[in-house]
N, C-alpha and C. Protein backbone atom coordinates (compact mmCIF):
# COMPACT_ATOMS: atom_id res chain seq x y z
N MET A 1 22.79 -11.27 59.72
CA MET A 1 22.49 -10.15 58.85
C MET A 1 21.70 -10.64 57.65
N LEU A 2 20.75 -9.84 57.26
CA LEU A 2 19.94 -10.15 56.10
C LEU A 2 20.44 -9.37 54.90
N THR A 3 20.41 -10.01 53.78
CA THR A 3 20.79 -9.37 52.53
C THR A 3 19.54 -9.05 51.74
N THR A 4 19.46 -7.84 51.26
CA THR A 4 18.31 -7.43 50.45
C THR A 4 18.75 -7.32 49.01
N HIS A 5 17.99 -7.98 48.14
CA HIS A 5 18.27 -7.92 46.71
C HIS A 5 17.14 -7.15 46.03
N LYS A 6 17.50 -6.23 45.20
CA LYS A 6 16.51 -5.46 44.45
C LYS A 6 16.65 -5.78 42.98
N ILE A 7 15.50 -5.91 42.32
CA ILE A 7 15.50 -6.16 40.89
C ILE A 7 15.39 -4.82 40.19
N SER A 8 16.33 -4.55 39.35
CA SER A 8 16.36 -3.29 38.63
C SER A 8 15.29 -3.26 37.56
N ALA A 9 14.83 -2.06 37.23
CA ALA A 9 13.86 -1.89 36.14
C ALA A 9 14.48 -2.26 34.80
N ASP A 10 15.81 -2.24 34.72
CA ASP A 10 16.50 -2.58 33.48
C ASP A 10 16.69 -4.09 33.33
N PHE A 11 16.14 -4.86 34.26
CA PHE A 11 16.28 -6.30 34.24
C PHE A 11 15.57 -6.93 33.04
N TYR A 12 14.48 -6.32 32.62
CA TYR A 12 13.68 -6.86 31.54
C TYR A 12 14.43 -6.76 30.21
N ASP A 13 14.26 -7.78 29.39
CA ASP A 13 14.92 -7.82 28.09
C ASP A 13 14.05 -7.06 27.09
N ASP A 14 14.58 -5.97 26.56
CA ASP A 14 13.84 -5.18 25.58
C ASP A 14 14.56 -5.18 24.23
N SER A 15 15.09 -6.33 23.87
CA SER A 15 15.85 -6.43 22.62
C SER A 15 14.97 -6.80 21.44
N PHE A 16 13.69 -6.59 21.54
CA PHE A 16 12.78 -6.90 20.45
C PHE A 16 12.73 -5.77 19.43
N LYS A 17 12.25 -6.09 18.24
CA LYS A 17 12.05 -5.10 17.18
C LYS A 17 10.55 -4.83 17.09
N LEU A 18 10.20 -3.65 16.61
CA LEU A 18 8.81 -3.24 16.61
C LEU A 18 8.46 -2.53 15.30
N ILE A 19 7.32 -2.91 14.75
CA ILE A 19 6.79 -2.26 13.55
C ILE A 19 5.44 -1.66 13.90
N ALA A 20 5.24 -0.40 13.58
CA ALA A 20 3.96 0.27 13.77
C ALA A 20 3.14 0.11 12.50
N ILE A 21 1.86 -0.21 12.67
CA ILE A 21 0.98 -0.44 11.52
C ILE A 21 -0.25 0.47 11.65
N HIS A 22 -0.52 1.22 10.59
CA HIS A 22 -1.73 2.04 10.50
C HIS A 22 -2.68 1.34 9.54
N SER A 23 -3.83 0.93 10.06
CA SER A 23 -4.82 0.25 9.22
C SER A 23 -6.17 0.29 9.90
N ASN A 24 -7.23 0.36 9.10
CA ASN A 24 -8.57 0.33 9.67
C ASN A 24 -9.17 -1.08 9.61
N LEU A 25 -8.36 -2.07 9.29
CA LEU A 25 -8.82 -3.46 9.28
C LEU A 25 -9.08 -3.95 10.71
N GLU A 26 -10.01 -4.87 10.84
CA GLU A 26 -10.22 -5.54 12.13
C GLU A 26 -8.99 -6.39 12.42
N ASP A 27 -8.78 -6.72 13.68
CA ASP A 27 -7.58 -7.46 14.08
C ASP A 27 -7.46 -8.82 13.40
N TYR A 28 -8.56 -9.54 13.28
CA TYR A 28 -8.51 -10.86 12.63
C TYR A 28 -8.21 -10.75 11.14
N ALA A 29 -8.73 -9.71 10.48
CA ALA A 29 -8.49 -9.52 9.05
C ALA A 29 -7.03 -9.12 8.79
N LEU A 30 -6.49 -8.27 9.65
CA LEU A 30 -5.10 -7.87 9.50
C LEU A 30 -4.18 -9.06 9.75
N THR A 31 -4.51 -9.87 10.74
CA THR A 31 -3.71 -11.07 11.02
C THR A 31 -3.71 -12.01 9.83
N TYR A 32 -4.85 -12.22 9.23
CA TYR A 32 -4.94 -13.08 8.04
C TYR A 32 -4.08 -12.51 6.91
N ALA A 33 -4.15 -11.20 6.70
CA ALA A 33 -3.38 -10.58 5.63
C ALA A 33 -1.88 -10.66 5.90
N ILE A 34 -1.47 -10.45 7.15
CA ILE A 34 -0.05 -10.56 7.50
C ILE A 34 0.42 -12.00 7.35
N ASN A 35 -0.39 -12.95 7.77
CA ASN A 35 -0.02 -14.36 7.60
C ASN A 35 0.18 -14.69 6.13
N SER A 36 -0.66 -14.16 5.27
CA SER A 36 -0.56 -14.44 3.84
C SER A 36 0.65 -13.75 3.20
N SER A 37 0.85 -12.48 3.52
CA SER A 37 1.91 -11.73 2.84
C SER A 37 3.30 -12.01 3.42
N CYS A 38 3.38 -12.34 4.70
CA CYS A 38 4.68 -12.56 5.35
C CYS A 38 4.99 -14.03 5.58
N ARG A 39 4.10 -14.91 5.18
CA ARG A 39 4.24 -16.36 5.38
C ARG A 39 4.47 -16.71 6.85
N LEU A 40 3.55 -16.22 7.68
CA LEU A 40 3.60 -16.50 9.12
C LEU A 40 2.38 -17.33 9.52
N HIS A 41 2.32 -17.70 10.78
CA HIS A 41 1.21 -18.50 11.29
C HIS A 41 0.70 -17.91 12.61
N LEU A 42 0.40 -16.63 12.60
CA LEU A 42 -0.11 -15.97 13.80
C LEU A 42 -1.50 -16.51 14.13
N LYS A 43 -1.74 -16.72 15.43
CA LYS A 43 -3.05 -17.18 15.91
C LYS A 43 -3.44 -16.37 17.12
N ARG A 44 -4.75 -16.26 17.32
CA ARG A 44 -5.27 -15.51 18.47
C ARG A 44 -4.90 -16.23 19.75
N MET A 45 -4.38 -15.49 20.71
CA MET A 45 -4.05 -16.07 22.00
C MET A 45 -5.35 -16.28 22.79
N PRO A 46 -5.37 -17.27 23.68
CA PRO A 46 -6.60 -17.54 24.44
C PRO A 46 -7.04 -16.36 25.30
N ASN A 47 -6.08 -15.57 25.79
CA ASN A 47 -6.40 -14.42 26.63
C ASN A 47 -5.81 -13.16 26.02
N ASP A 48 -6.60 -12.10 26.04
CA ASP A 48 -6.10 -10.81 25.58
C ASP A 48 -5.17 -10.22 26.64
N LEU A 49 -4.38 -9.23 26.22
CA LEU A 49 -3.49 -8.54 27.15
C LEU A 49 -4.33 -7.57 27.96
N GLN A 50 -4.33 -7.76 29.27
CA GLN A 50 -5.12 -6.90 30.15
C GLN A 50 -4.16 -6.04 30.96
N THR A 51 -4.26 -4.71 30.79
CA THR A 51 -3.35 -3.80 31.48
C THR A 51 -4.05 -2.99 32.56
N GLY A 52 -5.32 -3.13 32.68
CA GLY A 52 -6.08 -2.41 33.69
C GLY A 52 -7.37 -3.15 33.94
N GLU A 53 -8.25 -2.52 34.69
CA GLU A 53 -9.50 -3.19 35.03
C GLU A 53 -10.34 -3.50 33.78
N ASN A 54 -10.46 -2.55 32.87
CA ASN A 54 -11.27 -2.75 31.67
C ASN A 54 -10.46 -2.61 30.38
N ARG A 55 -9.15 -2.52 30.47
CA ARG A 55 -8.30 -2.32 29.30
C ARG A 55 -7.80 -3.66 28.79
N MET A 56 -8.36 -4.11 27.66
CA MET A 56 -7.95 -5.38 27.07
C MET A 56 -7.60 -5.16 25.61
N PHE A 57 -6.40 -5.64 25.22
CA PHE A 57 -5.89 -5.45 23.86
C PHE A 57 -5.77 -6.82 23.20
N SER A 58 -6.28 -6.94 21.98
CA SER A 58 -6.23 -8.22 21.28
C SER A 58 -4.78 -8.59 20.97
N LEU A 59 -4.51 -9.89 21.00
CA LEU A 59 -3.15 -10.38 20.93
C LEU A 59 -3.09 -11.63 20.06
N PHE A 60 -2.20 -11.61 19.06
CA PHE A 60 -1.97 -12.75 18.18
C PHE A 60 -0.48 -13.08 18.24
N ASP A 61 -0.14 -14.36 18.28
CA ASP A 61 1.28 -14.70 18.36
C ASP A 61 1.59 -15.98 17.60
N TRP A 62 2.89 -16.19 17.39
CA TRP A 62 3.40 -17.42 16.79
C TRP A 62 4.84 -17.60 17.21
N ASP A 63 5.15 -18.75 17.78
CA ASP A 63 6.51 -19.08 18.17
C ASP A 63 7.12 -19.94 17.07
N ASP A 64 7.95 -19.32 16.24
CA ASP A 64 8.63 -20.02 15.14
C ASP A 64 9.88 -20.69 15.71
N GLU A 65 9.71 -21.91 16.18
CA GLU A 65 10.81 -22.63 16.83
C GLU A 65 11.92 -22.99 15.85
N LEU A 66 11.58 -23.18 14.59
CA LEU A 66 12.58 -23.54 13.59
C LEU A 66 13.61 -22.42 13.41
N ASN A 67 13.15 -21.17 13.36
CA ASN A 67 14.04 -20.02 13.18
C ASN A 67 14.33 -19.27 14.48
N ASP A 68 13.79 -19.76 15.59
CA ASP A 68 13.97 -19.15 16.91
C ASP A 68 13.53 -17.69 16.91
N VAL A 69 12.30 -17.46 16.42
CA VAL A 69 11.72 -16.11 16.37
C VAL A 69 10.33 -16.18 16.99
N TYR A 70 10.01 -15.19 17.80
CA TYR A 70 8.68 -15.10 18.40
C TYR A 70 7.99 -13.85 17.85
N TRP A 71 6.86 -14.05 17.17
CA TRP A 71 6.12 -12.98 16.50
C TRP A 71 4.87 -12.65 17.32
N THR A 72 4.56 -11.37 17.45
CA THR A 72 3.36 -10.95 18.17
C THR A 72 2.74 -9.75 17.47
N LEU A 73 1.44 -9.84 17.22
CA LEU A 73 0.68 -8.70 16.70
C LEU A 73 -0.28 -8.28 17.81
N ILE A 74 -0.21 -7.01 18.19
CA ILE A 74 -1.05 -6.53 19.28
C ILE A 74 -1.73 -5.22 18.90
N SER A 75 -2.96 -5.10 19.29
CA SER A 75 -3.71 -3.89 19.04
C SER A 75 -3.21 -2.79 19.96
N ASN A 76 -3.15 -1.57 19.46
CA ASN A 76 -2.73 -0.44 20.28
C ASN A 76 -3.93 0.29 20.86
N LYS A 77 -5.13 -0.06 20.44
CA LYS A 77 -6.32 0.66 20.88
C LYS A 77 -7.35 -0.30 21.47
N CYS A 78 -8.02 0.17 22.49
CA CYS A 78 -9.16 -0.57 23.02
C CYS A 78 -10.23 0.43 23.44
N THR A 79 -11.47 0.04 23.32
CA THR A 79 -12.58 0.89 23.69
C THR A 79 -13.07 0.48 25.07
N VAL A 80 -13.16 1.46 25.96
CA VAL A 80 -13.58 1.21 27.33
C VAL A 80 -14.93 1.88 27.55
N GLU A 81 -15.86 1.13 28.11
CA GLU A 81 -17.19 1.64 28.39
C GLU A 81 -17.26 2.06 29.86
N GLU A 82 -17.71 3.28 30.09
CA GLU A 82 -17.84 3.79 31.46
C GLU A 82 -19.26 4.27 31.68
N VAL A 83 -19.80 3.96 32.84
CA VAL A 83 -21.11 4.45 33.22
C VAL A 83 -20.90 5.69 34.08
N VAL A 84 -21.44 6.80 33.60
CA VAL A 84 -21.30 8.07 34.31
C VAL A 84 -22.59 8.31 35.08
N PRO A 85 -22.49 8.28 36.40
CA PRO A 85 -23.72 8.51 37.19
C PRO A 85 -24.17 9.96 37.09
N SER A 86 -25.45 10.14 36.95
CA SER A 86 -26.00 11.50 36.93
C SER A 86 -27.38 11.47 37.55
N GLU A 87 -27.70 12.53 38.17
CA GLU A 87 -29.02 12.65 38.79
C GLU A 87 -29.92 13.41 37.84
N GLY A 88 -31.15 13.13 37.94
CA GLY A 88 -32.08 13.87 37.11
C GLY A 88 -32.96 12.96 36.28
N PHE A 89 -33.52 13.53 35.27
CA PHE A 89 -34.53 12.86 34.46
C PHE A 89 -33.97 11.69 33.65
N PHE A 90 -32.74 11.80 33.12
CA PHE A 90 -32.21 10.79 32.22
C PHE A 90 -31.44 9.67 32.93
N GLY A 91 -31.07 9.83 34.15
CA GLY A 91 -30.36 8.78 34.88
C GLY A 91 -28.92 8.65 34.43
N ASN A 92 -28.36 7.48 34.63
CA ASN A 92 -26.96 7.23 34.28
C ASN A 92 -26.78 7.21 32.76
N SER A 93 -25.61 7.64 32.32
CA SER A 93 -25.31 7.60 30.89
C SER A 93 -24.03 6.79 30.68
N THR A 94 -23.91 6.22 29.50
CA THR A 94 -22.75 5.42 29.15
C THR A 94 -21.85 6.23 28.22
N VAL A 95 -20.56 6.23 28.54
CA VAL A 95 -19.58 6.96 27.75
C VAL A 95 -18.52 5.97 27.28
N PHE A 96 -18.11 6.09 26.02
CA PHE A 96 -17.05 5.24 25.47
C PHE A 96 -15.81 6.08 25.26
N ARG A 97 -14.66 5.54 25.67
CA ARG A 97 -13.39 6.23 25.43
C ARG A 97 -12.40 5.23 24.86
N THR A 98 -11.42 5.74 24.14
CA THR A 98 -10.39 4.89 23.55
C THR A 98 -9.10 5.03 24.35
N ASP A 99 -8.59 3.90 24.82
CA ASP A 99 -7.31 3.87 25.52
C ASP A 99 -6.26 3.28 24.60
N HIS A 100 -4.99 3.58 24.88
CA HIS A 100 -3.88 3.13 24.04
C HIS A 100 -2.87 2.37 24.87
N LEU A 101 -2.29 1.33 24.28
CA LEU A 101 -1.25 0.55 24.94
C LEU A 101 0.04 1.36 25.02
N VAL A 102 0.40 2.02 23.94
CA VAL A 102 1.58 2.87 23.88
C VAL A 102 1.08 4.30 23.66
N ASP A 103 1.05 5.06 24.74
CA ASP A 103 0.44 6.40 24.69
C ASP A 103 1.16 7.38 23.77
N GLU A 104 2.46 7.24 23.61
CA GLU A 104 3.17 8.21 22.77
C GLU A 104 2.97 7.95 21.28
N HIS A 105 2.30 6.86 20.92
CA HIS A 105 1.96 6.58 19.52
C HIS A 105 0.46 6.30 19.42
N LYS A 106 -0.35 7.28 19.75
CA LYS A 106 -1.81 7.11 19.74
C LYS A 106 -2.37 6.94 18.34
N GLU A 107 -1.64 7.39 17.33
CA GLU A 107 -2.12 7.28 15.95
C GLU A 107 -1.92 5.88 15.37
N VAL A 108 -1.12 5.04 16.02
CA VAL A 108 -0.83 3.69 15.54
C VAL A 108 -1.98 2.75 15.93
N ASP A 109 -2.41 1.93 14.98
CA ASP A 109 -3.50 0.99 15.25
C ASP A 109 -2.99 -0.34 15.82
N TYR A 110 -1.88 -0.84 15.29
CA TYR A 110 -1.32 -2.13 15.73
C TYR A 110 0.20 -2.04 15.82
N PHE A 111 0.75 -2.88 16.68
CA PHE A 111 2.19 -3.06 16.76
C PHE A 111 2.52 -4.51 16.44
N PHE A 112 3.56 -4.70 15.65
CA PHE A 112 4.04 -6.03 15.29
C PHE A 112 5.40 -6.19 15.97
N LYS A 113 5.44 -7.03 16.99
CA LYS A 113 6.64 -7.21 17.80
C LYS A 113 7.36 -8.47 17.36
N MET A 114 8.69 -8.38 17.24
CA MET A 114 9.50 -9.51 16.78
C MET A 114 10.67 -9.72 17.72
N ASP A 115 10.76 -10.89 18.31
CA ASP A 115 11.88 -11.25 19.18
C ASP A 115 12.80 -12.20 18.43
N GLY A 116 14.07 -11.82 18.33
CA GLY A 116 15.05 -12.70 17.71
C GLY A 116 15.23 -12.51 16.22
N VAL A 117 15.00 -11.30 15.71
CA VAL A 117 15.17 -11.04 14.28
C VAL A 117 16.29 -10.01 14.07
N CYS A 118 16.83 -10.02 12.86
CA CYS A 118 17.85 -9.03 12.50
C CYS A 118 17.17 -7.85 11.79
N GLU A 119 17.94 -6.80 11.60
CA GLU A 119 17.40 -5.59 10.99
C GLU A 119 16.93 -5.80 9.55
N SER A 120 17.62 -6.66 8.80
CA SER A 120 17.21 -6.90 7.42
C SER A 120 15.85 -7.61 7.34
N MET A 121 15.55 -8.46 8.33
CA MET A 121 14.25 -9.12 8.35
C MET A 121 13.14 -8.12 8.68
N VAL A 122 13.44 -7.14 9.52
CA VAL A 122 12.47 -6.10 9.84
C VAL A 122 12.13 -5.31 8.59
N VAL A 123 13.14 -4.94 7.83
CA VAL A 123 12.92 -4.20 6.59
C VAL A 123 12.08 -5.01 5.61
N ALA A 124 12.36 -6.30 5.50
CA ALA A 124 11.59 -7.17 4.59
C ALA A 124 10.13 -7.27 5.03
N LYS A 125 9.89 -7.38 6.34
CA LYS A 125 8.50 -7.48 6.83
C LYS A 125 7.76 -6.16 6.65
N VAL A 126 8.44 -5.04 6.82
CA VAL A 126 7.81 -3.73 6.59
C VAL A 126 7.36 -3.63 5.13
N LYS A 127 8.23 -4.04 4.20
CA LYS A 127 7.86 -4.02 2.77
C LYS A 127 6.68 -4.93 2.49
N ALA A 128 6.67 -6.11 3.08
CA ALA A 128 5.58 -7.06 2.85
C ALA A 128 4.27 -6.54 3.44
N ILE A 129 4.31 -5.95 4.62
CA ILE A 129 3.09 -5.42 5.25
C ILE A 129 2.56 -4.22 4.47
N ASN A 130 3.44 -3.41 3.92
CA ASN A 130 2.99 -2.25 3.14
C ASN A 130 2.33 -2.65 1.82
N THR A 131 2.48 -3.88 1.38
CA THR A 131 1.80 -4.33 0.16
C THR A 131 0.36 -4.76 0.42
N ILE A 132 -0.03 -4.89 1.68
CA ILE A 132 -1.41 -5.27 2.02
C ILE A 132 -2.33 -4.11 1.65
N ALA A 133 -3.44 -4.44 0.98
CA ALA A 133 -4.32 -3.42 0.39
C ALA A 133 -4.85 -2.40 1.40
N LYS A 134 -5.32 -2.81 2.55
CA LYS A 134 -5.96 -1.89 3.50
C LYS A 134 -5.00 -1.36 4.57
N VAL A 135 -3.71 -1.61 4.41
CA VAL A 135 -2.73 -1.04 5.33
C VAL A 135 -2.32 0.32 4.79
N ILE A 136 -2.50 1.34 5.60
CA ILE A 136 -2.15 2.70 5.18
C ILE A 136 -0.64 2.84 5.13
N THR A 137 0.03 2.48 6.21
CA THR A 137 1.49 2.48 6.24
C THR A 137 1.98 1.61 7.39
N ALA A 138 3.22 1.17 7.25
CA ALA A 138 3.91 0.42 8.29
C ALA A 138 5.36 0.88 8.30
N TYR A 139 5.93 1.00 9.48
CA TYR A 139 7.31 1.48 9.59
C TYR A 139 7.90 0.98 10.91
N PRO A 140 9.23 0.84 10.95
CA PRO A 140 9.87 0.40 12.20
C PRO A 140 9.85 1.51 13.26
N VAL A 141 9.79 1.10 14.51
CA VAL A 141 9.80 2.02 15.64
C VAL A 141 11.03 1.72 16.49
N ASP A 142 11.73 2.76 16.91
CA ASP A 142 12.88 2.57 17.78
C ASP A 142 12.39 2.31 19.20
N VAL A 143 12.59 1.10 19.69
CA VAL A 143 12.09 0.69 20.99
C VAL A 143 12.77 1.47 22.11
N GLN A 144 14.02 1.83 21.93
CA GLN A 144 14.77 2.52 22.99
C GLN A 144 14.20 3.89 23.33
N THR A 145 13.49 4.51 22.39
CA THR A 145 12.93 5.84 22.63
C THR A 145 11.54 5.81 23.24
N LEU A 146 10.93 4.63 23.35
CA LEU A 146 9.58 4.52 23.90
C LEU A 146 9.60 4.67 25.42
N LYS A 147 8.72 5.51 25.92
CA LYS A 147 8.59 5.67 27.37
C LYS A 147 7.79 4.52 27.98
N SER A 148 6.83 4.01 27.24
CA SER A 148 5.95 2.96 27.76
C SER A 148 6.28 1.60 27.14
N LYS A 149 7.55 1.31 26.95
CA LYS A 149 7.94 0.03 26.35
C LYS A 149 7.66 -1.15 27.28
N ARG A 150 7.51 -0.88 28.58
CA ARG A 150 7.17 -1.96 29.51
C ARG A 150 5.81 -2.57 29.21
N ASN A 151 4.91 -1.79 28.59
CA ASN A 151 3.61 -2.33 28.21
C ASN A 151 3.74 -3.39 27.12
N LEU A 152 4.86 -3.39 26.41
CA LEU A 152 5.07 -4.36 25.34
C LEU A 152 5.86 -5.58 25.79
N ILE A 153 6.23 -5.63 27.05
CA ILE A 153 6.95 -6.78 27.59
C ILE A 153 5.96 -7.65 28.34
N PHE A 154 5.63 -8.80 27.75
CA PHE A 154 4.66 -9.71 28.36
C PHE A 154 5.05 -11.13 28.06
């Protein structure tokens, strides 16, 4: 007899904390500002997070081994270029659309993910991020209510 084992969708560890950030800063500028205000050492990962054929989200991380915390800053938006075929005088046209990593929070520009932190550290980081000049607002997000939280598990 053969035994079949199934891996449940609940197998993934989703015990991370999440901060939503609204800002019009470029990803590298926001990372620099967060590193300065929160005393972190986030660096660009060699590969962006790719969730589809043309969907790539910028990713910055830092593994703080001393405090056993893993920090990740990820963009929630990416611009996808599509060629729309058309017949006629003008030929094919190019269309740009914006895709989101977490669809239920389309207004959020970046997510700051923290593995291994307590609630008081989240509050402290939210206060520090809100002091950055070009950050409109930052606030904690309840991960349990997210429908697309699997997109944040990588």
